[in-house]
Amino acid sequence: MVKKRQQTKLVHEGQYIAEVDVELIDMDKGWSPYLSLDDAYKPDDIRDALRRGDVKSAAQLARIFTLTPVAV
């Protein structure tokens, strides 16, 4: 039996945090849960876009937040 469920992954890069939604696939046998190939690459694509400073591209795949230090 195959079950699918949503999960939010966090990606931290520099001053940014991205929340990306991925779908986990649970199966009765094997090593579960799995990610689809597209969902497996999403965090890497977001991280690469943020490293380039391309927040607009990253925001098409995830919710982007900036980190602000509150104490030093």
N, C-alpha and C. Protein backbone atom coordinates (compact mmCIF):
# COMPACT_ATOMS: atom_id res chain seq x y z
N MET A 1 0.84 -1.18 0.00
CA MET A 1 0.00 0.00 0.00
C MET A 1 0.90 1.25 0.00
N VAL A 2 0.56 2.20 -0.82
CA VAL A 2 1.32 3.44 -0.94
C VAL A 2 0.53 4.57 -0.29
N LYS A 3 1.17 5.26 0.61
CA LYS A 3 0.56 6.42 1.26
C LYS A 3 1.43 7.64 0.97
N LYS A 4 0.79 8.77 0.71
CA LYS A 4 1.52 10.00 0.45
C LYS A 4 1.13 11.03 1.50
N ARG A 5 2.13 11.81 1.96
CA ARG A 5 1.86 12.86 2.93
C ARG A 5 2.79 14.04 2.67
N GLN A 6 2.31 15.21 3.03
CA GLN A 6 3.08 16.44 2.84
C GLN A 6 3.96 16.70 4.06
N GLN A 7 5.13 17.26 3.83
CA GLN A 7 6.02 17.67 4.90
C GLN A 7 6.74 18.93 4.47
N THR A 8 7.05 19.78 5.42
CA THR A 8 7.80 21.00 5.14
C THR A 8 9.25 20.79 5.55
N LYS A 9 10.15 21.04 4.61
CA LYS A 9 11.59 20.97 4.87
C LYS A 9 12.13 22.39 4.98
N LEU A 10 13.15 22.58 5.80
CA LEU A 10 13.79 23.88 5.94
C LEU A 10 15.16 23.84 5.27
N VAL A 11 15.45 24.91 4.54
CA VAL A 11 16.74 25.06 3.87
C VAL A 11 17.35 26.36 4.37
N HIS A 12 18.54 26.28 4.94
CA HIS A 12 19.23 27.46 5.45
C HIS A 12 20.41 27.78 4.53
N GLU A 13 20.45 29.01 4.07
CA GLU A 13 21.58 29.45 3.24
C GLU A 13 21.84 30.92 3.52
N GLY A 14 23.01 31.19 4.12
CA GLY A 14 23.37 32.58 4.42
C GLY A 14 22.37 33.22 5.36
N GLN A 15 21.83 34.35 4.95
CA GLN A 15 20.86 35.07 5.79
C GLN A 15 19.42 34.65 5.53
N TYR A 16 19.22 33.58 4.76
CA TYR A 16 17.88 33.16 4.37
C TYR A 16 17.52 31.78 4.93
N ILE A 17 16.23 31.62 5.18
CA ILE A 17 15.63 30.31 5.48
C ILE A 17 14.51 30.12 4.47
N ALA A 18 14.43 28.94 3.90
CA ALA A 18 13.35 28.63 2.95
C ALA A 18 12.54 27.47 3.50
N GLU A 19 11.22 27.60 3.42
CA GLU A 19 10.31 26.51 3.75
C GLU A 19 9.82 25.93 2.43
N VAL A 20 10.15 24.67 2.21
CA VAL A 20 9.75 24.02 0.96
C VAL A 20 8.86 22.81 1.29
N ASP A 21 7.73 22.72 0.60
CA ASP A 21 6.82 21.60 0.79
C ASP A 21 7.22 20.45 -0.13
N VAL A 22 7.34 19.27 0.45
CA VAL A 22 7.66 18.07 -0.32
C VAL A 22 6.64 16.99 0.03
N GLU A 23 6.52 16.03 -0.87
CA GLU A 23 5.60 14.92 -0.65
C GLU A 23 6.40 13.67 -0.31
N LEU A 24 6.12 13.09 0.85
CA LEU A 24 6.76 11.85 1.26
C LEU A 24 5.89 10.68 0.83
N ILE A 25 6.52 9.64 0.32
CA ILE A 25 5.82 8.46 -0.16
C ILE A 25 6.18 7.30 0.76
N ASP A 26 5.18 6.79 1.48
CA ASP A 26 5.37 5.65 2.38
C ASP A 26 4.91 4.38 1.68
N MET A 27 5.75 3.35 1.73
CA MET A 27 5.41 2.06 1.14
C MET A 27 5.56 0.99 2.21
N ASP A 28 4.89 -0.12 2.02
CA ASP A 28 4.93 -1.21 3.00
C ASP A 28 6.28 -1.90 3.07
N LYS A 29 7.02 -1.89 1.98
CA LYS A 29 8.30 -2.58 1.99
C LYS A 29 9.41 -1.61 1.57
N GLY A 30 10.63 -2.01 1.82
CA GLY A 30 11.77 -1.17 1.44
C GLY A 30 12.05 -0.10 2.48
N TRP A 31 12.83 0.86 2.09
CA TRP A 31 13.22 1.94 2.97
C TRP A 31 12.28 3.10 2.74
N SER A 32 11.39 3.32 3.65
CA SER A 32 10.42 4.41 3.54
C SER A 32 10.71 5.46 4.59
N PRO A 33 10.31 6.66 4.43
CA PRO A 33 9.60 7.23 3.28
C PRO A 33 10.56 7.66 2.18
N TYR A 34 10.00 7.78 0.99
CA TYR A 34 10.74 8.21 -0.19
C TYR A 34 10.30 9.61 -0.58
N LEU A 35 11.16 10.29 -1.32
CA LEU A 35 10.81 11.54 -1.99
C LEU A 35 10.78 11.27 -3.48
N SER A 36 9.90 11.96 -4.19
CA SER A 36 9.96 11.87 -5.65
C SER A 36 11.26 12.52 -6.10
N LEU A 37 11.70 12.23 -7.30
CA LEU A 37 12.95 12.80 -7.80
C LEU A 37 12.89 14.32 -7.83
N ASP A 38 11.75 14.88 -8.28
CA ASP A 38 11.59 16.35 -8.32
C ASP A 38 11.68 16.95 -6.93
N ASP A 39 11.00 16.33 -5.95
CA ASP A 39 11.03 16.85 -4.59
C ASP A 39 12.41 16.70 -3.95
N ALA A 40 13.15 15.67 -4.36
CA ALA A 40 14.49 15.47 -3.81
C ALA A 40 15.44 16.57 -4.27
N TYR A 41 15.23 17.09 -5.48
CA TYR A 41 16.10 18.15 -6.00
C TYR A 41 15.70 19.56 -5.58
N LYS A 42 14.46 19.73 -5.12
CA LYS A 42 13.98 21.07 -4.75
C LYS A 42 14.88 21.79 -3.75
N PRO A 43 15.22 21.17 -2.60
CA PRO A 43 16.08 21.88 -1.64
C PRO A 43 17.42 22.33 -2.23
N ASP A 44 18.01 21.49 -3.07
CA ASP A 44 19.29 21.85 -3.70
C ASP A 44 19.11 23.01 -4.67
N ASP A 45 18.02 23.00 -5.44
CA ASP A 45 17.76 24.09 -6.37
C ASP A 45 17.55 25.41 -5.63
N ILE A 46 16.84 25.34 -4.52
CA ILE A 46 16.59 26.55 -3.71
C ILE A 46 17.90 27.05 -3.12
N ARG A 47 18.69 26.15 -2.57
CA ARG A 47 19.98 26.53 -1.97
C ARG A 47 20.89 27.18 -3.02
N ASP A 48 20.95 26.60 -4.21
CA ASP A 48 21.78 27.16 -5.28
C ASP A 48 21.30 28.56 -5.68
N ALA A 49 19.99 28.75 -5.78
CA ALA A 49 19.44 30.07 -6.14
C ALA A 49 19.78 31.10 -5.06
N LEU A 50 19.67 30.72 -3.81
CA LEU A 50 19.98 31.67 -2.72
C LEU A 50 21.47 31.99 -2.68
N ARG A 51 22.31 31.03 -2.99
CA ARG A 51 23.76 31.30 -3.04
C ARG A 51 24.09 32.31 -4.14
N ARG A 52 23.35 32.26 -5.24
CA ARG A 52 23.55 33.21 -6.34
C ARG A 52 22.91 34.56 -6.05
N GLY A 53 22.12 34.64 -4.97
CA GLY A 53 21.41 35.88 -4.67
C GLY A 53 20.12 36.02 -5.45
N ASP A 54 19.66 34.94 -6.07
CA ASP A 54 18.45 34.95 -6.89
C ASP A 54 17.24 34.55 -6.03
N VAL A 55 16.81 35.48 -5.19
CA VAL A 55 15.70 35.23 -4.27
C VAL A 55 14.40 35.01 -5.04
N LYS A 56 14.25 35.69 -6.17
CA LYS A 56 13.04 35.57 -6.97
C LYS A 56 12.84 34.13 -7.45
N SER A 57 13.89 33.49 -7.95
CA SER A 57 13.79 32.09 -8.40
C SER A 57 13.51 31.15 -7.23
N ALA A 58 14.18 31.39 -6.12
CA ALA A 58 13.98 30.55 -4.94
C ALA A 58 12.55 30.68 -4.43
N ALA A 59 11.99 31.89 -4.51
CA ALA A 59 10.63 32.13 -4.02
C ALA A 59 9.57 31.45 -4.88
N GLN A 60 9.92 31.04 -6.09
CA GLN A 60 8.97 30.30 -6.92
C GLN A 60 8.81 28.86 -6.44
N LEU A 61 9.79 28.37 -5.67
CA LEU A 61 9.77 27.00 -5.18
C LEU A 61 9.47 26.88 -3.69
N ALA A 62 9.63 27.99 -2.94
CA ALA A 62 9.51 27.92 -1.49
C ALA A 62 9.13 29.28 -0.92
N ARG A 63 8.81 29.27 0.36
CA ARG A 63 8.58 30.52 1.10
C ARG A 63 9.93 30.93 1.69
N ILE A 64 10.36 32.16 1.40
CA ILE A 64 11.70 32.62 1.79
C ILE A 64 11.57 33.63 2.92
N PHE A 65 12.44 33.49 3.92
CA PHE A 65 12.49 34.40 5.06
C PHE A 65 13.93 34.85 5.26
N THR A 66 14.11 36.05 5.78
CA THR A 66 15.45 36.51 6.13
C THR A 66 15.65 36.33 7.62
N LEU A 67 16.88 36.05 8.00
CA LEU A 67 17.23 35.90 9.41
C LEU A 67 17.78 37.23 9.90
N THR A 68 17.33 37.64 11.07
CA THR A 68 17.79 38.87 11.68
C THR A 68 18.36 38.54 13.06
N PRO A 69 19.64 38.83 13.30
CA PRO A 69 20.20 38.57 14.62
C PRO A 69 19.53 39.47 15.67
N VAL A 70 19.22 38.90 16.82
CA VAL A 70 18.60 39.69 17.88
C VAL A 70 19.59 39.99 19.01
N ALA A 71 20.69 39.25 19.06
CA ALA A 71 21.72 39.50 20.06
C ALA A 71 23.06 39.06 19.48
N VAL A 72 24.09 39.71 19.92
CA VAL A 72 25.43 39.37 19.44
C VAL A 72 26.23 38.72 20.52
